[in-house]
């Protein structure tokens, strides 16, 4: 039977002294993740292509001892990923948590909504409003980069197991979306939704392959709904009545997600050593309402 002190929130979610890496950590949910971990004593490295965004996000929390440091990296270039791993490895002997968060959104039907008219009209609209390049870019960032980044950090993640007081290897959290779970195209964003579903599939495959002896790395996925970010303009509607979010955004709980909601989910997957290959939906009931 566990001692009561081992079941306190402070003990259950103790990540002080950890090292974490977050791709796309300079803005949006990536930055919320970085601040969550830094506030709890984690040394966080955020990566991205925009040096100015990384610089703006850098900080040190005197209270917890946590920090956020930017490392420029292009997740779509293998050489850039390898170089960033080398740069972090020069400062750290291990990584406890890798969060594959970098992502892009893509084309949809636009403000006019689903195409109308004859089969020929609908066909032409669907063919012309996006290209093969749009789809390839979506998968390159939202799926392929997660595979290569995970592979590159494997040695540092495994090295976490050798640190005093931490018997487990590091773990990986891949950021998908409710769009990867829904059966709707959400106004024609087929490429984005398909890429986020592929992210969930990749998570499950990695979880199986990386559980082998000698690695034993947990891999999970978060599927957030409507949280304020560069890809979701919901922040501009802060303060609206519950009915507005229920009607316009289809969120039964009647609001957008808060940083606190997201932080709780991140910490849970980071510390729970009995969970792998799992996707947690955080959407205020959106999927239930659109089932």
Protein backbone atom coordinates (compact mmCIF):
# COMPACT_ATOMS: atom_id res chain seq x y z
CA UNK A 1 0.00 0.00 0.00
CA UNK A 2 1.35 3.42 -0.98
CA UNK A 3 2.27 5.89 1.71
CA UNK A 4 -0.05 8.91 1.83
CA UNK A 5 2.82 11.31 1.10
CA UNK A 6 3.43 9.45 -2.17
CA UNK A 7 -0.14 10.20 -3.24
CA UNK A 8 -0.04 13.97 -2.81
CA UNK A 9 -0.29 16.09 -5.96
CA UNK A 10 3.22 17.40 -5.32
CA UNK A 11 4.63 13.88 -5.26
CA UNK A 12 2.51 12.49 -8.11
CA UNK A 13 3.51 15.24 -10.51
CA UNK A 14 7.09 15.83 -9.41
CA UNK A 15 9.20 16.62 -12.49
CA UNK A 16 11.74 18.92 -10.83
CA UNK A 17 15.20 18.45 -12.34
CA UNK A 18 13.90 16.93 -15.58
CA UNK A 19 15.08 17.92 -19.05
CA UNK A 20 12.48 18.32 -21.81
CA UNK A 21 12.48 19.19 -25.52
CA UNK A 22 9.46 20.70 -27.25
CA UNK A 23 9.30 21.23 -31.00
CA UNK A 24 7.40 24.32 -32.08
CA UNK A 25 7.65 25.52 -28.50
CA UNK A 26 7.81 29.26 -29.14
CA UNK A 27 4.08 29.87 -29.50
CA UNK A 28 0.62 28.44 -28.82
CA UNK A 29 0.22 25.09 -27.13
CA UNK A 30 3.95 24.44 -27.41
CA UNK A 31 4.66 27.52 -25.30
CA UNK A 32 1.96 26.54 -22.78
CA UNK A 33 3.70 23.17 -22.50
CA UNK A 34 7.09 24.80 -22.04
CA UNK A 35 5.81 27.17 -19.34
CA UNK A 36 4.02 24.33 -17.55
CA UNK A 37 7.19 22.29 -17.33
CA UNK A 38 9.44 25.25 -16.46
CA UNK A 39 7.05 26.28 -13.66
CA UNK A 40 7.60 22.83 -12.19
CA UNK A 41 11.40 22.91 -12.24
CA UNK A 42 12.13 21.44 -15.68
CA UNK A 43 14.95 22.61 -17.91
CA UNK A 44 13.09 23.03 -21.21
CA UNK A 45 14.56 23.34 -24.69
CA UNK A 46 12.13 24.68 -27.29
CA UNK A 47 12.84 24.37 -30.99
CA UNK A 48 11.53 26.19 -34.04
CA UNK A 49 12.58 27.96 -37.22
CA UNK A 50 11.75 31.51 -36.06
CA UNK A 51 14.64 32.68 -33.89
CA UNK A 52 12.75 35.77 -32.69
CA UNK A 53 9.88 33.68 -31.30
CA UNK A 54 12.30 31.38 -29.51
CA UNK A 55 14.11 34.37 -27.99
CA UNK A 56 10.85 35.93 -26.78
CA UNK A 57 9.91 32.70 -25.01
CA UNK A 58 13.20 32.21 -23.16
CA UNK A 59 13.02 32.61 -19.39
CA UNK A 60 14.16 31.35 -16.00
CA UNK A 61 11.81 30.76 -13.07
CA UNK A 62 13.68 31.57 -9.83
CA UNK A 63 10.96 29.94 -7.73
CA UNK A 64 11.14 26.49 -9.33
CA UNK A 65 14.59 26.54 -10.92
CA UNK A 66 13.05 25.73 -14.28
CA UNK A 67 14.01 27.45 -17.51
CA UNK A 68 13.18 27.76 -21.22
CA UNK A 69 15.98 27.91 -23.80
CA UNK A 70 15.55 28.23 -27.55
CA UNK A 71 17.32 26.04 -30.09
CA UNK A 72 16.78 26.83 -33.77
CA UNK A 73 15.70 23.71 -35.67
CA UNK A 74 13.76 22.92 -38.82
CA UNK A 75 11.70 19.78 -38.16
CA UNK A 76 11.38 19.14 -41.90
CA UNK A 77 15.14 18.77 -42.40
CA UNK A 78 16.89 15.67 -41.04
CA UNK A 79 20.28 17.39 -40.82
CA UNK A 80 18.75 20.23 -38.80
CA UNK A 81 17.18 17.76 -36.36
CA UNK A 82 20.47 15.91 -35.91
CA UNK A 83 22.35 19.18 -35.38
CA UNK A 84 19.87 20.28 -32.69
CA UNK A 85 20.19 16.94 -30.89
CA UNK A 86 23.95 17.37 -30.92
CA UNK A 87 23.65 20.91 -29.55
CA UNK A 88 21.41 19.79 -26.70
CA UNK A 89 23.59 16.74 -26.02
CA UNK A 90 26.57 19.04 -25.48
CA UNK A 91 24.71 20.54 -22.50
CA UNK A 92 22.62 17.60 -21.25
CA UNK A 93 23.33 13.92 -20.63
CA UNK A 94 19.69 12.88 -21.01
CA UNK A 95 16.16 13.99 -21.92
CA UNK A 96 13.16 12.91 -19.82
CA UNK A 97 10.45 14.14 -22.15
CA UNK A 98 10.18 14.89 -25.87
CA UNK A 99 7.04 16.70 -27.02
CA UNK A 100 6.52 16.63 -30.79
CA UNK A 101 4.33 19.70 -31.02
CA UNK A 102 5.29 21.49 -34.26
CA UNK A 103 2.36 21.58 -36.64
CA UNK A 104 0.71 23.39 -39.52
CA UNK A 105 -2.89 23.79 -40.64
CA UNK A 106 -3.99 23.76 -44.25
CA UNK A 107 -6.52 24.49 -46.93
CA UNK A 108 -10.27 24.04 -46.50
CA UNK A 109 -13.39 25.03 -48.43
CA UNK A 110 -13.15 28.60 -47.19
CA UNK A 111 -15.90 30.99 -46.01
CA UNK A 112 -18.36 29.81 -48.68
CA UNK A 113 -18.44 26.36 -47.08
CA UNK A 114 -18.95 23.01 -48.78
CA UNK A 115 -19.16 23.31 -52.58
CA UNK A 116 -22.62 23.26 -54.15
CA UNK A 117 -23.94 22.64 -57.61
CA UNK A 118 -23.50 19.73 -59.97
CA UNK A 119 -21.13 16.82 -59.45
CA UNK A 120 -18.84 18.53 -61.96
CA UNK A 121 -18.90 21.79 -59.99
CA UNK A 122 -18.11 20.01 -56.72
CA UNK A 123 -15.37 18.00 -58.39
CA UNK A 124 -13.68 21.09 -59.79
CA UNK A 125 -13.82 22.92 -56.46
CA UNK A 126 -12.28 19.98 -54.60
CA UNK A 127 -9.55 19.59 -57.23
CA UNK A 128 -8.67 23.26 -57.44
CA UNK A 129 -8.75 24.48 -53.82
CA UNK A 130 -5.67 22.44 -52.82
CA UNK A 131 -2.73 20.67 -54.39
CA UNK A 132 -0.51 17.62 -53.97
CA UNK A 133 2.09 19.99 -52.52
CA UNK A 134 -0.37 21.13 -49.83
CA UNK A 135 -0.89 17.53 -48.73
CA UNK A 136 2.80 16.67 -48.84
CA UNK A 137 3.71 19.68 -46.68
CA UNK A 138 1.00 18.82 -44.16
CA UNK A 139 2.30 15.29 -43.72
CA UNK A 140 5.92 16.42 -43.71
CA UNK A 141 5.37 18.65 -40.67
CA UNK A 142 2.52 16.93 -38.82
CA UNK A 143 3.66 13.32 -39.21
CA UNK A 144 7.04 12.73 -40.83
CA UNK A 145 8.88 15.20 -38.60
CA UNK A 146 7.53 13.41 -35.52
CA UNK A 147 9.07 10.14 -36.70
CA UNK A 148 12.51 11.56 -37.43
CA UNK A 149 12.64 13.74 -34.32
CA UNK A 150 11.66 10.79 -32.12
CA UNK A 151 14.32 8.60 -33.75
CA UNK A 152 17.02 11.24 -33.32
CA UNK A 153 16.35 11.70 -29.59
CA UNK A 154 16.22 7.97 -28.72
CA UNK A 155 19.72 7.81 -27.16
CA UNK A 156 19.07 10.82 -24.90
CA UNK A 157 15.65 9.48 -23.92
CA UNK A 158 17.13 6.10 -22.99
CA UNK A 159 19.92 7.80 -21.04
CA UNK A 160 17.32 9.22 -18.61
CA UNK A 161 16.99 5.75 -17.10
CA UNK A 162 20.58 5.89 -15.82
CA UNK A 163 20.03 9.02 -13.74
CA UNK A 164 19.83 8.75 -9.96
CA UNK A 165 16.27 8.55 -8.67
CA UNK A 166 14.71 8.03 -12.10
CA UNK A 167 14.47 4.35 -13.09
CA UNK A 168 12.44 4.94 -16.25
CA UNK A 169 13.56 5.94 -19.73
CA UNK A 170 12.25 9.21 -21.09
CA UNK A 171 8.91 9.36 -22.89
CA UNK A 172 7.39 10.99 -25.96
CA UNK A 173 4.17 12.97 -26.33
CA UNK A 174 2.94 13.57 -29.88
CA UNK A 175 0.43 16.38 -30.36
CA UNK A 176 -2.43 15.37 -32.60
CA UNK A 177 -5.90 17.00 -32.59
CA UNK A 178 -9.60 16.27 -32.31
CA UNK A 179 -9.38 16.62 -36.09
CA UNK A 180 -7.53 13.31 -36.09
CA UNK A 181 -10.47 11.61 -34.37
CA UNK A 182 -13.49 13.20 -36.03
CA UNK A 183 -15.22 11.71 -39.07
CA UNK A 184 -16.06 15.20 -40.36
CA UNK A 185 -13.88 17.09 -42.81
CA UNK A 186 -14.53 20.26 -40.74
CA UNK A 187 -15.28 22.40 -43.78
CA UNK A 188 -13.01 20.52 -46.14
CA UNK A 189 -9.70 20.44 -44.24
CA UNK A 190 -9.11 16.88 -45.46
CA UNK A 191 -5.32 17.06 -45.51
CA UNK A 192 -5.03 18.41 -41.95
CA UNK A 193 -7.50 15.93 -40.49
CA UNK A 194 -5.88 13.00 -42.30
CA UNK A 195 -2.42 14.07 -41.10
CA UNK A 196 -3.60 14.27 -37.49
CA UNK A 197 -5.16 10.80 -37.76
CA UNK A 198 -1.83 9.60 -39.13
CA UNK A 199 -0.09 11.17 -36.12
CA UNK A 200 -2.23 9.01 -33.82
CA UNK A 201 -1.40 5.92 -35.87
CA UNK A 202 2.30 6.77 -35.73
CA UNK A 203 2.04 7.18 -31.95
CA UNK A 204 0.58 3.69 -31.59
CA UNK A 205 3.21 2.14 -33.84
CA UNK A 206 6.08 3.84 -32.02
CA UNK A 207 4.62 2.80 -28.66
CA UNK A 208 4.74 -0.84 -29.75
CA UNK A 209 8.20 -0.72 -31.35
CA UNK A 210 9.85 1.34 -28.57
CA UNK A 211 8.58 -0.83 -25.70
CA UNK A 212 11.28 -3.41 -26.48
CA UNK A 213 13.86 -4.23 -23.77
CA UNK A 214 16.72 -1.75 -23.75
CA UNK A 215 14.46 1.07 -24.92
CA UNK A 216 11.19 0.90 -22.94
CA UNK A 217 10.14 4.38 -24.06
CA UNK A 218 6.50 5.32 -23.58
CA UNK A 219 4.80 7.12 -26.48
CA UNK A 220 1.42 8.84 -26.13
CA UNK A 221 -0.64 11.44 -27.94
CA UNK A 222 -2.73 14.44 -26.91
CA UNK A 223 -5.66 15.41 -29.13
CA UNK A 224 -6.64 18.95 -28.13
CA UNK A 225 -9.77 20.70 -29.29
CA UNK A 226 -10.23 24.46 -29.42
CA UNK A 227 -7.44 26.13 -27.48
CA UNK A 228 -6.08 29.61 -28.28
CA UNK A 229 -3.19 29.32 -30.74
CA UNK A 230 -1.94 30.71 -34.04
CA UNK A 231 -4.06 28.09 -35.81
CA UNK A 232 -7.26 28.68 -33.80
CA UNK A 233 -8.67 32.26 -33.66
CA UNK A 234 -10.81 31.43 -30.64
CA UNK A 235 -8.82 33.75 -28.34
CA UNK A 236 -10.47 36.74 -30.05
CA UNK A 237 -13.82 35.50 -28.72
CA UNK A 238 -12.73 35.34 -25.10
CA UNK A 239 -15.47 36.52 -22.78
CA UNK A 240 -18.38 35.44 -24.98
CA UNK A 241 -21.34 33.70 -23.37
CA UNK A 242 -21.46 29.91 -23.07
CA UNK A 243 -24.19 29.74 -25.67
CA UNK A 244 -21.88 31.33 -28.25
CA UNK A 245 -19.28 28.58 -27.87
CA UNK A 246 -21.98 25.90 -27.84
CA UNK A 247 -23.55 27.19 -31.05
CA UNK A 248 -20.70 28.60 -33.15
CA UNK A 249 -17.92 26.25 -32.07
CA UNK A 250 -19.99 23.22 -31.09
CA UNK A 251 -18.40 22.88 -27.64
CA UNK A 252 -20.92 21.45 -25.12
CA UNK A 253 -18.95 22.69 -22.11
CA UNK A 254 -19.40 26.25 -23.41
CA UNK A 255 -15.87 27.63 -23.55
CA UNK A 256 -12.46 27.31 -25.18
CA UNK A 257 -9.75 25.33 -23.46
CA UNK A 258 -7.63 27.05 -20.82
CA UNK A 259 -3.87 26.76 -20.34
CA UNK A 260 -4.57 25.02 -17.03
CA UNK A 261 -6.65 22.30 -18.76
CA UNK A 262 -3.82 21.60 -21.16
CA UNK A 263 -1.11 21.72 -18.49
CA UNK A 264 -2.87 19.07 -16.41
CA UNK A 265 -3.01 16.72 -19.39
CA UNK A 266 0.67 17.25 -20.26
CA UNK A 267 1.83 16.53 -16.71
CA UNK A 268 -0.33 13.41 -16.51
CA UNK A 269 1.22 11.84 -19.62
CA UNK A 270 4.69 12.97 -18.60
CA UNK A 271 4.69 11.22 -15.21
CA UNK A 272 2.29 8.28 -15.53
CA UNK A 273 4.64 5.36 -16.16
CA UNK A 274 1.80 2.91 -16.75
CA UNK A 275 0.37 4.59 -19.85
CA UNK A 276 1.65 4.14 -23.40
CA UNK A 277 0.12 4.02 -26.88
CA UNK A 278 -2.80 6.13 -25.66
CA UNK A 279 -4.48 9.24 -27.08
CA UNK A 280 -6.17 11.63 -24.69
CA UNK A 281 -8.85 13.90 -26.15
CA UNK A 282 -9.15 17.34 -24.48
CA UNK A 283 -12.00 19.09 -26.23
CA UNK A 284 -14.80 20.13 -23.85
CA UNK A 285 -17.06 17.44 -25.32
CA UNK A 286 -16.71 18.51 -28.98
CA UNK A 287 -16.30 14.95 -30.26
CA UNK A 288 -19.27 13.75 -28.25
CA UNK A 289 -21.39 16.47 -29.82
CA UNK A 290 -20.23 15.60 -33.33
CA UNK A 291 -20.30 11.80 -33.12
